[in-house]
Amino acid sequence: MHTPTLRDRLRPLELLSLSAVIGVFTGLVILFTTREWWLAGIGFGVAFILAIMTIALLALSAKPNADELDDLDEQDRAAH
C-alpha cells in the first residue's frame, strides 16, 4: 500500500477553503447591503454549508479512472 501524496492529503483542505471563500463572499455582500452582522453571519453559514454539500455531491458523481480502480482493487486485496 502506498502513502498518499501531499496533493491527496491537502484535497479536503482545498475543498473546505473554497467553501469558506464562497461563504465569506456571501456574508460580505449581505453585510454591505443590510449592515446587519447577525444576518451576514447566517448568510455565511448557509452559503458555507451549501457549498460543502454541493462540492461533495459533485465529487461523488465523478467516475473513477483506471488508476483509481486499480488502487481500490489493491486495497480490497490487502484487506482480505
Protein backbone atom coordinates (compact mmCIF):
# COMPACT_ATOMS: atom_id res chain seq x y z
CA MET A 1 0.00 0.00 0.00
CA HIS A 2 1.39 3.39 -0.91
CA THR A 3 1.24 6.55 1.16
CA PRO A 4 -0.96 9.35 -0.15
CA THR A 5 0.76 12.24 -1.86
CA LEU A 6 0.75 15.74 -0.44
CA ARG A 7 -1.88 16.74 -3.00
CA ASP A 8 -4.13 13.87 -1.90
CA ARG A 9 -3.75 14.85 1.75
CA LEU A 10 -4.48 18.55 1.11
CA ARG A 11 -7.52 17.98 -1.11
CA PRO A 12 -10.06 18.22 1.77
CA LEU A 13 -8.43 21.47 2.89
CA GLU A 14 -8.79 22.85 -0.66
CA LEU A 15 -12.48 21.98 -0.72
CA LEU A 16 -13.12 23.50 2.71
CA SER A 17 -11.24 26.68 1.82
CA LEU A 18 -13.23 27.03 -1.41
CA SER A 19 -16.44 26.70 0.60
CA ALA A 20 -15.16 29.26 3.11
CA VAL A 21 -14.37 31.74 0.33
CA ILE A 22 -17.89 31.33 -1.05
CA GLY A 23 -19.31 31.82 2.45
CA VAL A 24 -17.20 34.92 3.15
CA PHE A 25 -18.21 36.46 -0.17
CA THR A 26 -21.88 35.86 0.57
CA GLY A 27 -21.52 37.16 4.11
CA LEU A 28 -19.78 40.34 2.92
CA VAL A 29 -22.42 41.02 0.28
CA ILE A 30 -25.16 40.65 2.89
CA LEU A 31 -23.22 42.77 5.39
CA PHE A 32 -22.66 45.61 2.92
CA THR A 33 -26.27 45.63 1.77
CA THR A 34 -28.06 45.28 5.12
CA ARG A 35 -25.43 46.44 7.70
CA GLU A 36 -26.63 43.63 10.00
CA TRP A 37 -23.84 41.45 11.46
CA TRP A 38 -26.14 38.66 12.59
CA LEU A 39 -27.75 38.40 9.16
CA ALA A 40 -24.32 38.31 7.50
CA GLY A 41 -23.28 35.51 9.87
CA ILE A 42 -26.35 33.50 8.99
CA GLY A 43 -25.70 34.09 5.29
CA PHE A 44 -22.10 32.97 5.71
CA GLY A 45 -23.15 29.78 7.48
CA VAL A 46 -25.83 28.89 4.97
CA ALA A 47 -23.57 29.56 1.97
CA PHE A 48 -20.69 27.62 3.56
CA ILE A 49 -22.83 24.55 4.25
CA LEU A 50 -24.48 24.64 0.83
CA ALA A 51 -21.09 24.97 -0.89
CA ILE A 52 -19.70 21.98 1.05
CA MET A 53 -22.74 19.88 0.18
CA THR A 54 -22.62 20.85 -3.50
CA ILE A 55 -18.91 20.13 -3.82
CA ALA A 56 -19.33 16.77 -2.03
CA LEU A 57 -22.19 15.75 -4.31
CA LEU A 58 -20.20 16.73 -7.40
CA ALA A 59 -17.19 14.76 -6.11
CA LEU A 60 -19.39 11.70 -5.57
CA SER A 61 -20.72 11.89 -9.11
CA ALA A 62 -17.20 11.81 -10.61
CA LYS A 63 -16.32 8.49 -12.21
CA PRO A 64 -13.03 6.94 -11.03
CA ASN A 65 -10.34 6.48 -13.68
CA ALA A 66 -8.36 3.29 -14.28
CA ASP A 67 -5.62 4.17 -11.76
CA GLU A 68 -8.16 4.75 -9.03
CA LEU A 69 -9.94 1.48 -9.81
CA ASP A 70 -6.62 -0.38 -9.63
CA ASP A 71 -5.87 1.27 -6.29
CA LEU A 72 -9.29 0.26 -4.92
CA ASP A 73 -8.75 -3.35 -6.05
CA GLU A 74 -5.32 -3.33 -4.42
CA GLN A 75 -6.80 -2.07 -1.15
CA ASP A 76 -9.51 -4.75 -1.26
CA ARG A 77 -6.92 -7.48 -1.76
CA ALA A 78 -4.80 -6.13 1.10
CA ALA A 79 -7.81 -6.10 3.44
CA HIS A 80 -8.59 -9.81 2.91
